[in-house]
Amino acid sequence: MAIMITDECINCGACEPECPNTAIYEGGAAWRWSDGTTLKEVTIDGGQTVSGVAPQTPVSDEYYYIVSDKCTECVGFHEEPQCAAVCPVDCCVDDPDYRESQEKLTAKKEWLHS
């Protein structure tokens, strides 16, 4: 499963530089598939292909957020999710809407960094 940031986030930013996939963004900031990955273009739901550098709509305007499709829970990089390890208010938690096996997380890491 991916990690999510709850609304208890104090916007300290400690988590953002820890993400090996650059899946964490400040509230209101547009995100890009190519940030911290090797992705040049991505086929999204519905079969549409988008440029990896095209800005995507922020997930949250209020606090830091994690792009679930880029989160690998640090699999292949660290023993545990680094955002959760450094969060001073424990608001980086498992996202129940994105359950993924170890194998799927490993495959996602390989896809992001092929």
C-alpha atoms as a PDB file:
ATOM      1  CA  MET A   1       0.000   0.000   0.000  1.00  0.00           C
ATOM      2  CA  ALA A   2       1.061   3.569  -0.446  1.00  0.00           C
ATOM      3  CA  ILE A   3       1.567   6.076   2.315  1.00  0.00           C
ATOM      4  CA  MET A   4      -0.693   9.093   2.767  1.00  0.00           C
ATOM      5  CA  ILE A   5      -0.341  12.300   4.761  1.00  0.00           C
ATOM      6  CA  THR A   6      -3.243  13.053   7.057  1.00  0.00           C
ATOM      7  CA  ASP A   7      -4.766  16.450   7.730  1.00  0.00           C
ATOM      8  CA  GLU A   8      -2.799  16.600  10.990  1.00  0.00           C
ATOM      9  CA  CYS A   9       0.200  17.633   8.863  1.00  0.00           C
ATOM     10  CA  ILE A  10       1.896  20.752  10.246  1.00  0.00           C
ATOM     11  CA  ASN A  11       3.576  21.523   6.892  1.00  0.00           C
ATOM     12  CA  CYS A  12       7.068  21.228   8.337  1.00  0.00           C
ATOM     13  CA  GLY A  13       8.415  19.681   5.110  1.00  0.00           C
ATOM     14  CA  ALA A  14      10.601  17.083   6.849  1.00  0.00           C
ATOM     15  CA  CYS A  15       9.191  14.294   4.698  1.00  0.00           C
ATOM     16  CA  GLU A  16       9.667  15.814   1.239  1.00  0.00           C
ATOM     17  CA  PRO A  17      13.459  15.447   0.821  1.00  0.00           C
ATOM     18  CA  GLU A  18      13.379  11.907   2.245  1.00  0.00           C
ATOM     19  CA  CYS A  19      11.303  10.415  -0.591  1.00  0.00           C
ATOM     20  CA  PRO A  20      13.472   8.496  -3.095  1.00  0.00           C
ATOM     21  CA  ASN A  21      10.712   8.749  -5.726  1.00  0.00           C
ATOM     22  CA  THR A  22       9.931  12.441  -5.246  1.00  0.00           C
ATOM     23  CA  ALA A  23       6.325  11.436  -4.543  1.00  0.00           C
ATOM     24  CA  ILE A  24       5.832  14.075  -1.814  1.00  0.00           C
ATOM     25  CA  TYR A  25       4.855  17.629  -2.661  1.00  0.00           C
ATOM     26  CA  GLU A  26       3.961  20.784  -0.768  1.00  0.00           C
ATOM     27  CA  GLY A  27       0.268  21.607  -0.673  1.00  0.00           C
ATOM     28  CA  GLY A  28      -0.842  23.432  -3.808  1.00  0.00           C
ATOM     29  CA  ALA A  29       2.277  22.468  -5.775  1.00  0.00           C
ATOM     30  CA  ALA A  30       1.793  20.754  -9.125  1.00  0.00           C
ATOM     31  CA  TRP A  31       3.520  17.381  -9.384  1.00  0.00           C
ATOM     32  CA  ARG A  32       5.213  15.662 -12.319  1.00  0.00           C
ATOM     33  CA  TRP A  33       5.757  12.009 -13.168  1.00  0.00           C
ATOM     34  CA  SER A  34       9.353  12.762 -14.128  1.00  0.00           C
ATOM     35  CA  ASP A  35      10.292  14.342 -10.783  1.00  0.00           C
ATOM     36  CA  GLY A  36      12.813  11.957  -9.228  1.00  0.00           C
ATOM     37  CA  THR A  37      12.127   9.208 -11.793  1.00  0.00           C
ATOM     38  CA  THR A  38      13.193   8.209 -15.288  1.00  0.00           C
ATOM     39  CA  LEU A  39       9.657   8.451 -16.707  1.00  0.00           C
ATOM     40  CA  LYS A  40       9.406  10.342 -20.007  1.00  0.00           C
ATOM     41  CA  GLU A  41       5.708   9.677 -20.568  1.00  0.00           C
ATOM     42  CA  VAL A  42       2.980   7.764 -18.784  1.00  0.00           C
ATOM     43  CA  THR A  43      -0.216   6.116 -19.943  1.00  0.00           C
ATOM     44  CA  ILE A  44      -2.884   6.957 -17.396  1.00  0.00           C
ATOM     45  CA  ASP A  45      -6.361   5.551 -16.767  1.00  0.00           C
ATOM     46  CA  GLY A  46      -8.439   5.661 -19.893  1.00  0.00           C
ATOM     47  CA  GLY A  47      -5.417   5.079 -22.123  1.00  0.00           C
ATOM     48  CA  GLN A  48      -4.331   8.710 -22.397  1.00  0.00           C
ATOM     49  CA  THR A  49      -0.566   9.246 -22.651  1.00  0.00           C
ATOM     50  CA  VAL A  50       0.860  12.271 -20.857  1.00  0.00           C
ATOM     51  CA  SER A  51       4.335  13.758 -20.875  1.00  0.00           C
ATOM     52  CA  GLY A  52       6.360  12.994 -17.772  1.00  0.00           C
ATOM     53  CA  VAL A  53       7.182  16.689 -17.421  1.00  0.00           C
ATOM     54  CA  ALA A  54       3.572  17.877 -17.748  1.00  0.00           C
ATOM     55  CA  PRO A  55       2.351  19.444 -14.491  1.00  0.00           C
ATOM     56  CA  GLN A  56      -0.372  17.450 -12.756  1.00  0.00           C
ATOM     57  CA  THR A  57      -3.104  18.769 -10.491  1.00  0.00           C
ATOM     58  CA  PRO A  58      -2.119  18.960  -6.799  1.00  0.00           C
ATOM     59  CA  VAL A  59      -3.695  16.307  -4.582  1.00  0.00           C
ATOM     60  CA  SER A  60      -4.048  18.821  -1.736  1.00  0.00           C
ATOM     61  CA  ASP A  61      -4.011  22.589  -1.536  1.00  0.00           C
ATOM     62  CA  GLU A  62      -3.712  22.669   2.251  1.00  0.00           C
ATOM     63  CA  TYR A  63      -0.870  20.397   3.331  1.00  0.00           C
ATOM     64  CA  TYR A  64       1.899  18.173   1.992  1.00  0.00           C
ATOM     65  CA  TYR A  65       0.657  15.211  -0.011  1.00  0.00           C
ATOM     66  CA  ILE A  66       1.936  11.964  -1.502  1.00  0.00           C
ATOM     67  CA  VAL A  67       1.216  10.891  -5.081  1.00  0.00           C
ATOM     68  CA  SER A  68       0.128   7.297  -4.515  1.00  0.00           C
ATOM     69  CA  ASP A  69       1.105   6.178  -8.006  1.00  0.00           C
ATOM     70  CA  LYS A  70       4.707   7.203  -7.288  1.00  0.00           C
ATOM     71  CA  CYS A  71       4.910   5.882  -3.700  1.00  0.00           C
ATOM     72  CA  THR A  72       6.727   2.578  -3.228  1.00  0.00           C
ATOM     73  CA  GLU A  73       6.911   2.796   0.578  1.00  0.00           C
ATOM     74  CA  CYS A  74      10.668   3.133  -0.010  1.00  0.00           C
ATOM     75  CA  VAL A  75      10.842  -0.508  -1.194  1.00  0.00           C
ATOM     76  CA  GLY A  76      14.186  -1.049  -2.889  1.00  0.00           C
ATOM     77  CA  PHE A  77      15.696   1.957  -1.117  1.00  0.00           C
ATOM     78  CA  HIS A  78      15.147   1.679   2.643  1.00  0.00           C
ATOM     79  CA  GLU A  79      13.872  -0.756   5.264  1.00  0.00           C
ATOM     80  CA  GLU A  80      10.888   1.448   6.121  1.00  0.00           C
ATOM     81  CA  PRO A  81       9.066   4.444   4.646  1.00  0.00           C
ATOM     82  CA  GLN A  82      11.327   7.394   5.350  1.00  0.00           C
ATOM     83  CA  CYS A  83       8.513   9.961   5.415  1.00  0.00           C
ATOM     84  CA  ALA A  84       6.930   8.146   8.356  1.00  0.00           C
ATOM     85  CA  ALA A  85      10.302   7.769  10.058  1.00  0.00           C
ATOM     86  CA  VAL A  86      11.003  11.524  10.067  1.00  0.00           C
ATOM     87  CA  CYS A  87       7.471  12.894  10.562  1.00  0.00           C
ATOM     88  CA  PRO A  88       7.335  14.701  13.924  1.00  0.00           C
ATOM     89  CA  VAL A  89       3.541  14.351  14.247  1.00  0.00           C
ATOM     90  CA  ASP A  90       3.094  10.821  12.844  1.00  0.00           C
ATOM     91  CA  CYS A  91       0.818  11.899  10.005  1.00  0.00           C
ATOM     92  CA  CYS A  92       2.475   9.739   7.322  1.00  0.00           C
ATOM     93  CA  VAL A  93       0.381   6.584   7.562  1.00  0.00           C
ATOM     94  CA  ASP A  94      -0.690   3.615   5.441  1.00  0.00           C
ATOM     95  CA  ASP A  95      -3.271   4.585   2.832  1.00  0.00           C
ATOM     96  CA  PRO A  96      -6.100   2.026   3.030  1.00  0.00           C
ATOM     97  CA  ASP A  97      -7.219   2.958  -0.500  1.00  0.00           C
ATOM     98  CA  TYR A  98      -3.932   1.789  -2.064  1.00  0.00           C
ATOM     99  CA  ARG A  99      -3.076  -1.731  -0.947  1.00  0.00           C
ATOM    100  CA  GLU A 100      -0.094  -3.208  -2.795  1.00  0.00           C
ATOM    101  CA  SER A 101       1.971  -6.327  -2.225  1.00  0.00           C
ATOM    102  CA  GLN A 102       5.730  -6.290  -1.818  1.00  0.00           C
ATOM    103  CA  GLU A 103       5.976  -7.622  -5.380  1.00  0.00           C
ATOM    104  CA  LYS A 104       3.818  -4.794  -6.775  1.00  0.00           C
ATOM    105  CA  LEU A 105       5.829  -2.176  -4.872  1.00  0.00           C
ATOM    106  CA  THR A 106       9.064  -3.651  -6.223  1.00  0.00           C
ATOM    107  CA  ALA A 107       7.649  -3.642  -9.765  1.00  0.00           C
ATOM    108  CA  LYS A 108       6.520  -0.018  -9.338  1.00  0.00           C
ATOM    109  CA  LYS A 109      10.008   0.956  -8.152  1.00  0.00           C
ATOM    110  CA  GLU A 110      11.520  -0.702 -11.244  1.00  0.00           C
ATOM    111  CA  TRP A 111       8.983   1.063 -13.495  1.00  0.00           C
ATOM    112  CA  LEU A 112       9.706   4.468 -11.941  1.00  0.00           C
ATOM    113  CA  HIS A 113      13.478   4.012 -12.198  1.00  0.00           C
ATOM    114  CA  SER A 114      13.988   1.827 -15.280  1.00  0.00           C
END
